[in-house]
């Protein structure tokens, strides 16, 4: 994928994917320094939103906090579910790229009216209903996306949350945004094996499996939006715990950052048992056909996401799909009209 060839460049989706390089390279990690100390003092954080505004940004943050053993309780849920909880002792981030997502705005209004002084918004747009509802709203630098499928905003939201955690952990200086951006660009432009694309084109279902950090799950959602293909996310090792019973040998499973200790079992159950194709997206060689990305250490999930976008663009083009305009999906899935 590149912006030199018009078959890619004519799509806003591709332009926005490639613009993630600029967005991440210019990210200001100091903007969350004071906020991080506030959240550290509260000790409880809920990250809410719908779809892409929640999946990777929130789950990447939760996995990092658990891996680092942070003395901070982080949760995530959709805004309608979160509205049922007692969040009076939580800091809450309400994320909506448009700033007009009905469930998110209504939750923010409810929390602030109930006296929560730590209800924050995160949006790609200024002057929105979300900004009116929250105590303070942070506006991303990525700008409004024209394509229905959110891309560059997802990465910036995730890095925003991660920067909060890194300030708390004292590791903010370990994040070199320019180097991360370079690796994202390499992942976006690496060639994708045509045989992998053709298998995916013919697959009744395209599965994404991997850690519960949002990367594989987000790519499953993007598969629906970009390729209009059926897709499912298989958390961790769920792919070998019963779902194989309904899999089709024509299906394909993309395993993001395969868990080393379970690779042999994936081969036994999925490749030999079901007879389907398993492809890895990883920063190392694996026994599977592998879309190999640059190694970004703990920041590798961002690079895996970029490689997955690259893959899905190739699948969408092979299916002769308008990448910018799904048939049914809308940019704002459930807009609050006032």
Protein backbone atom coordinates (compact mmCIF):
# COMPACT_ATOMS: atom_id res chain seq x y z
CA UNK A 1 0.00 0.00 0.00
CA UNK A 2 1.28 3.48 -0.88
CA UNK A 3 0.13 6.92 -1.97
CA UNK A 4 2.03 6.87 -5.28
CA UNK A 5 -0.27 4.35 -6.96
CA UNK A 6 -3.73 5.77 -7.66
CA UNK A 7 -5.43 2.45 -6.99
CA UNK A 8 -4.62 3.17 -3.33
CA UNK A 9 -4.31 6.95 -3.23
CA UNK A 10 -7.83 7.61 -4.54
CA UNK A 11 -9.31 6.34 -1.30
CA UNK A 12 -9.64 8.59 1.76
CA UNK A 13 -9.25 5.46 3.89
CA UNK A 14 -5.74 4.83 2.56
CA UNK A 15 -4.82 8.50 2.90
CA UNK A 16 -5.92 8.45 6.53
CA UNK A 17 -4.09 5.21 7.27
CA UNK A 18 -0.90 6.69 5.87
CA UNK A 19 -1.49 9.93 7.78
CA UNK A 20 -1.19 7.93 11.00
CA UNK A 21 2.57 8.18 10.44
CA UNK A 22 2.39 11.97 10.81
CA UNK A 23 -0.04 11.81 13.73
CA UNK A 24 2.03 9.34 15.76
CA UNK A 25 5.35 10.96 14.85
CA UNK A 26 4.13 14.31 16.14
CA UNK A 27 2.33 13.05 19.24
CA UNK A 28 2.92 15.23 22.32
CA UNK A 29 3.35 12.78 25.19
CA UNK A 30 3.64 15.62 27.72
CA UNK A 31 0.03 16.72 27.26
CA UNK A 32 -1.14 14.05 29.72
CA UNK A 33 1.46 14.64 32.46
CA UNK A 34 -0.77 16.57 34.90
CA UNK A 35 -3.80 14.46 34.02
CA UNK A 36 -1.85 11.30 34.86
CA UNK A 37 -1.09 12.51 38.37
CA UNK A 38 -4.76 13.29 38.91
CA UNK A 39 -5.80 9.81 37.75
CA UNK A 40 -3.06 8.20 39.84
CA UNK A 41 -4.50 9.89 42.92
CA UNK A 42 -8.00 8.63 42.14
CA UNK A 43 -6.78 5.07 41.56
CA UNK A 44 -9.75 3.96 39.42
CA UNK A 45 -10.23 4.58 35.72
CA UNK A 46 -13.01 3.56 33.33
CA UNK A 47 -12.43 3.89 29.58
CA UNK A 48 -15.66 3.90 27.61
CA UNK A 49 -16.80 4.52 24.06
CA UNK A 50 -18.25 2.50 21.21
CA UNK A 51 -16.57 0.41 18.51
CA UNK A 52 -13.13 1.59 17.44
CA UNK A 53 -13.11 4.39 20.01
CA UNK A 54 -12.91 1.74 22.72
CA UNK A 55 -11.59 -1.61 21.48
CA UNK A 56 -7.88 -0.98 20.89
CA UNK A 57 -7.39 2.22 22.93
CA UNK A 58 -8.94 0.79 26.10
CA UNK A 59 -7.78 -2.81 25.90
CA UNK A 60 -4.21 -1.89 25.01
CA UNK A 61 -4.16 0.31 28.13
CA UNK A 62 -5.59 -2.43 30.35
CA UNK A 63 -3.08 -5.03 29.19
CA UNK A 64 -0.19 -2.61 29.71
CA UNK A 65 -1.35 -1.66 33.21
CA UNK A 66 -1.63 -5.32 34.19
CA UNK A 67 1.73 -6.27 32.68
CA UNK A 68 3.44 -3.41 34.51
CA UNK A 69 1.65 -4.08 37.79
CA UNK A 70 0.41 -0.51 38.08
CA UNK A 71 -1.41 0.43 41.27
CA UNK A 72 -4.33 1.58 39.15
CA UNK A 73 -7.59 -0.25 38.48
CA UNK A 74 -8.64 0.14 34.83
CA UNK A 75 -11.91 -1.12 33.36
CA UNK A 76 -13.72 -0.78 30.07
CA UNK A 77 -17.29 -1.25 28.94
CA UNK A 78 -19.73 0.21 26.47
CA UNK A 79 -21.42 3.41 27.56
CA UNK A 80 -24.92 1.97 27.96
CA UNK A 81 -23.57 -0.74 30.27
CA UNK A 82 -21.37 1.77 32.09
CA UNK A 83 -24.43 3.92 32.77
CA UNK A 84 -25.65 1.19 35.15
CA UNK A 85 -22.52 1.34 37.33
CA UNK A 86 -21.64 3.44 40.37
CA UNK A 87 -18.77 5.48 38.93
CA UNK A 88 -18.72 8.16 41.61
CA UNK A 89 -15.21 7.14 42.70
CA UNK A 90 -13.83 6.69 39.17
CA UNK A 91 -12.11 8.91 36.68
CA UNK A 92 -13.97 8.26 33.42
CA UNK A 93 -12.85 8.84 29.84
CA UNK A 94 -15.70 9.07 27.33
CA UNK A 95 -14.28 8.62 23.82
CA UNK A 96 -16.13 9.55 20.63
CA UNK A 97 -14.35 10.63 17.47
CA UNK A 98 -17.35 12.60 16.30
CA UNK A 99 -18.19 13.89 19.75
CA UNK A 100 -21.82 13.07 18.90
CA UNK A 101 -22.17 9.38 19.78
CA UNK A 102 -25.47 9.08 21.61
CA UNK A 103 -24.56 6.50 24.26
CA UNK A 104 -21.31 8.25 25.12
CA UNK A 105 -22.70 11.79 25.38
CA UNK A 106 -25.66 10.67 27.50
CA UNK A 107 -23.33 8.84 29.90
CA UNK A 108 -21.13 11.92 30.26
CA UNK A 109 -24.16 14.09 30.95
CA UNK A 110 -25.41 11.65 33.59
CA UNK A 111 -22.04 11.43 35.36
CA UNK A 112 -21.46 15.18 35.50
CA UNK A 113 -25.02 15.85 36.66
CA UNK A 114 -24.42 13.31 39.45
CA UNK A 115 -21.35 15.26 40.57
CA UNK A 116 -18.46 13.34 38.99
CA UNK A 117 -15.69 15.94 38.63
CA UNK A 118 -13.40 13.59 36.72
CA UNK A 119 -15.46 12.85 33.63
CA UNK A 120 -13.25 13.55 30.63
CA UNK A 121 -13.91 13.48 26.91
CA UNK A 122 -11.64 12.39 24.06
CA UNK A 123 -12.62 13.39 20.54
CA UNK A 124 -11.24 14.20 17.10
CA UNK A 125 -13.42 17.31 16.94
CA UNK A 126 -13.77 20.49 18.97
CA UNK A 127 -17.01 22.22 19.94
CA UNK A 128 -19.07 19.02 20.22
CA UNK A 129 -21.91 17.78 22.41
CA UNK A 130 -19.35 15.62 24.20
CA UNK A 131 -17.24 18.66 25.02
CA UNK A 132 -20.32 20.41 26.40
CA UNK A 133 -21.11 17.40 28.60
CA UNK A 134 -17.67 16.61 30.07
CA UNK A 135 -15.68 18.43 32.72
CA UNK A 136 -12.79 18.64 30.22
CA UNK A 137 -12.41 17.27 26.71
CA UNK A 138 -9.11 16.54 24.98
CA UNK A 139 -9.12 17.01 21.21
CA UNK A 140 -6.92 14.74 19.13
CA UNK A 141 -4.59 16.18 16.49
CA UNK A 142 -5.61 13.65 13.80
CA UNK A 143 -8.62 15.64 12.63
CA UNK A 144 -11.90 14.40 11.19
CA UNK A 145 -11.73 11.21 9.12
CA UNK A 146 -13.72 11.06 5.89
CA UNK A 147 -13.72 7.27 5.54
CA UNK A 148 -16.29 5.38 7.61
CA UNK A 149 -13.64 3.05 9.05
CA UNK A 150 -11.67 4.88 11.78
CA UNK A 151 -7.91 4.38 11.57
CA UNK A 152 -5.47 7.15 12.50
CA UNK A 153 -7.77 8.31 15.31
CA UNK A 154 -7.68 4.82 16.83
CA UNK A 155 -3.91 4.90 17.10
CA UNK A 156 -3.84 8.40 18.55
CA UNK A 157 -6.50 7.56 21.14
CA UNK A 158 -4.52 4.49 22.19
CA UNK A 159 -1.28 6.44 22.47
CA UNK A 160 -3.07 9.13 24.48
CA UNK A 161 -4.22 6.57 27.06
CA UNK A 162 -0.86 4.81 27.04
CA UNK A 163 0.94 8.10 27.71
CA UNK A 164 -1.18 8.52 30.87
CA UNK A 165 -0.09 5.10 32.09
CA UNK A 166 3.54 5.71 31.21
CA UNK A 167 3.58 8.97 33.17
CA UNK A 168 2.25 7.02 36.16
CA UNK A 169 4.78 4.22 35.62
CA UNK A 170 7.65 6.66 35.07
CA UNK A 171 8.45 5.23 31.61
CA UNK A 172 7.26 8.05 29.37
CA UNK A 173 10.79 8.69 28.12
CA UNK A 174 10.89 5.15 26.73
CA UNK A 175 8.41 6.15 24.03
CA UNK A 176 10.10 7.47 20.90
CA UNK A 177 7.13 8.53 18.78
CA UNK A 178 9.23 9.28 15.71
CA UNK A 179 10.75 5.79 15.71
CA UNK A 180 7.35 4.25 16.28
CA UNK A 181 5.98 6.24 13.33
CA UNK A 182 8.78 4.94 11.10
CA UNK A 183 7.92 1.35 11.99
CA UNK A 184 4.23 1.98 11.42
CA UNK A 185 5.07 3.33 7.96
CA UNK A 186 7.08 0.20 7.16
CA UNK A 187 4.17 -1.98 8.23
CA UNK A 188 1.73 0.04 6.12
CA UNK A 189 3.85 -0.29 2.99
CA UNK A 190 5.24 -3.83 3.22
CA UNK A 191 4.15 -6.13 0.39
CA UNK A 192 1.42 -8.65 1.22
CA UNK A 193 1.71 -12.13 -0.31
CA UNK A 194 -0.93 -12.45 -3.04
CA UNK A 195 -1.72 -16.04 -2.05
CA UNK A 196 -2.69 -14.87 1.45
CA UNK A 197 -4.97 -12.22 -0.03
CA UNK A 198 -6.64 -14.71 -2.36
CA UNK A 199 -7.26 -17.19 0.45
CA UNK A 200 -8.90 -14.41 2.48
CA UNK A 201 -11.00 -13.31 -0.50
CA UNK A 202 -12.45 -16.82 -0.83
CA UNK A 203 -12.86 -17.44 2.91
CA UNK A 204 -16.43 -17.69 4.29
CA UNK A 205 -15.10 -16.24 7.56
CA UNK A 206 -11.92 -14.29 8.30
CA UNK A 207 -10.84 -14.83 11.89
CA UNK A 208 -8.41 -12.76 13.93
CA UNK A 209 -6.92 -14.34 17.04
CA UNK A 210 -4.56 -12.92 19.63
CA UNK A 211 -4.06 -11.26 22.97
CA UNK A 212 -6.94 -9.32 24.51
CA UNK A 213 -5.16 -6.01 23.90
CA UNK A 214 -7.59 -4.86 21.22
CA UNK A 215 -5.34 -5.25 18.17
CA UNK A 216 -6.80 -8.50 16.80
CA UNK A 217 -10.33 -7.53 17.87
CA UNK A 218 -10.08 -4.15 16.16
CA UNK A 219 -8.89 -5.84 12.97
CA UNK A 220 -11.90 -8.16 13.06
CA UNK A 221 -14.17 -5.10 13.16
CA UNK A 222 -12.18 -3.43 10.38
CA UNK A 223 -12.61 -6.58 8.28
CA UNK A 224 -16.37 -6.05 8.41
CA UNK A 225 -16.12 -2.35 7.58
CA UNK A 226 -13.42 -2.47 4.89
CA UNK A 227 -13.91 -5.82 3.14
CA UNK A 228 -17.60 -6.48 3.99
CA UNK A 229 -16.56 -10.02 4.87
CA UNK A 230 -17.73 -12.01 7.87
CA UNK A 231 -15.17 -11.89 10.63
CA UNK A 232 -14.78 -12.94 14.23
CA UNK A 233 -12.29 -12.29 17.01
CA UNK A 234 -10.91 -15.26 18.94
CA UNK A 235 -9.39 -14.10 22.22
CA UNK A 236 -6.13 -15.67 23.39
CA UNK A 237 -6.33 -19.42 22.78
CA UNK A 238 -10.11 -19.53 22.28
CA UNK A 239 -9.50 -20.76 18.72
CA UNK A 240 -8.59 -24.19 20.10
CA UNK A 241 -11.34 -24.44 22.71
CA UNK A 242 -14.39 -25.52 20.74
CA UNK A 243 -14.96 -23.03 17.93
CA UNK A 244 -13.03 -25.36 15.59
CA UNK A 245 -16.20 -27.49 15.50
CA UNK A 246 -17.92 -24.94 13.24
CA UNK A 247 -14.92 -23.75 11.24
CA UNK A 248 -14.73 -24.30 7.48
CA UNK A 249 -11.53 -25.51 5.79
CA UNK A 250 -11.88 -22.49 3.48
CA UNK A 251 -11.72 -20.08 6.44
CA UNK A 252 -8.53 -18.24 7.34
CA UNK A 253 -7.17 -17.37 10.77
CA UNK A 254 -4.81 -14.42 11.24
CA UNK A 255 -3.00 -14.80 14.55
CA UNK A 256 -1.62 -11.50 15.84
CA UNK A 257 1.58 -12.05 17.86
CA UNK A 258 1.12 -15.81 18.36
CA UNK A 259 1.55 -17.09 21.90
CA UNK A 260 4.74 -19.11 21.55
CA UNK A 261 3.72 -21.92 23.89
CA UNK A 262 0.50 -22.58 21.94
CA UNK A 263 1.76 -22.48 18.34
CA UNK A 264 2.02 -26.27 18.15
CA UNK A 265 -1.56 -26.65 19.38
CA UNK A 266 -2.82 -24.14 16.80
CA UNK A 267 -1.10 -26.20 14.10
CA UNK A 268 -2.62 -29.43 15.41
CA UNK A 269 -6.20 -28.17 15.84
CA UNK A 270 -6.57 -25.61 13.05
CA UNK A 271 -4.12 -26.51 10.30
CA UNK A 272 -4.18 -30.31 10.58
CA UNK A 273 -7.57 -30.74 12.23
CA UNK A 274 -9.78 -28.22 10.41
CA UNK A 275 -7.56 -27.97 7.34
CA UNK A 276 -7.64 -24.17 7.16
CA UNK A 277 -4.85 -21.66 6.63
CA UNK A 278 -3.29 -19.87 9.61
CA UNK A 279 -1.25 -16.73 8.97
CA UNK A 280 0.71 -14.85 11.64
CA UNK A 281 1.15 -11.11 12.00
CA UNK A 282 4.28 -10.86 14.12
CA UNK A 283 7.61 -9.12 14.59
CA UNK A 284 9.46 -12.43 14.22
CA UNK A 285 9.42 -15.54 12.06
CA UNK A 286 6.87 -18.20 12.99
CA UNK A 287 6.06 -21.70 11.70
CA UNK A 288 3.05 -20.16 9.91
CA UNK A 289 3.18 -17.98 6.79
CA UNK A 290 4.00 -14.65 8.45
CA UNK A 291 3.38 -10.98 7.71
CA UNK A 292 6.54 -9.90 9.50
CA UNK A 293 6.62 -6.39 10.95
CA UNK A 294 9.42 -4.30 12.44
CA UNK A 295 9.95 -4.95 16.15
CA UNK A 296 8.69 -2.05 18.26
CA UNK A 297 8.96 -3.81 21.61
CA UNK A 298 6.03 -3.01 23.90
CA UNK A 299 4.67 -0.70 21.22
CA UNK A 300 4.42 -3.51 18.66
CA UNK A 301 0.58 -3.71 18.85
CA UNK A 302 0.45 -0.35 17.02
CA UNK A 303 2.62 -1.81 14.27
CA UNK A 304 0.53 -4.99 14.08
CA UNK A 305 -2.55 -2.83 13.65
CA UNK A 306 -0.90 -0.99 10.74
CA UNK A 307 0.09 -4.27 9.07
CA UNK A 308 -3.49 -5.48 9.47
CA UNK A 309 -4.82 -2.33 7.80
CA UNK A 310 -2.42 -2.93 4.92
CA UNK A 311 -3.68 -6.50 4.58
CA UNK A 312 -7.35 -5.47 4.66
CA UNK A 313 -6.85 -2.83 1.97
CA UNK A 314 -5.39 -5.48 -0.32
CA UNK A 315 -8.31 -7.83 0.40
CA UNK A 316 -10.83 -5.03 -0.19
CA UNK A 317 -9.24 -4.08 -3.51
CA UNK A 318 -9.18 -7.73 -4.60
CA UNK A 319 -12.92 -7.83 -3.87
CA UNK A 320 -13.41 -4.63 -5.93
CA UNK A 321 -14.93 -2.79 -2.96
CA UNK A 322 -15.24 0.96 -2.45
CA UNK A 323 -13.06 1.20 0.65
CA UNK A 324 -14.55 4.53 1.75
CA UNK A 325 -18.24 3.70 1.65
CA UNK A 326 -19.67 0.59 3.29
CA UNK A 327 -23.21 -0.27 2.22
CA UNK A 328 -24.81 0.02 5.67
CA UNK A 329 -22.27 1.19 8.23
CA UNK A 330 -22.26 4.90 9.06
CA UNK A 331 -19.51 7.21 10.27
CA UNK A 332 -21.46 7.99 13.44
CA UNK A 333 -23.19 4.72 14.24
CA UNK A 334 -25.71 6.13 16.72
CA UNK A 335 -25.77 9.92 16.61
CA UNK A 336 -27.36 12.04 19.33
CA UNK A 337 -29.76 14.46 17.64
CA UNK A 338 -30.71 17.53 19.67
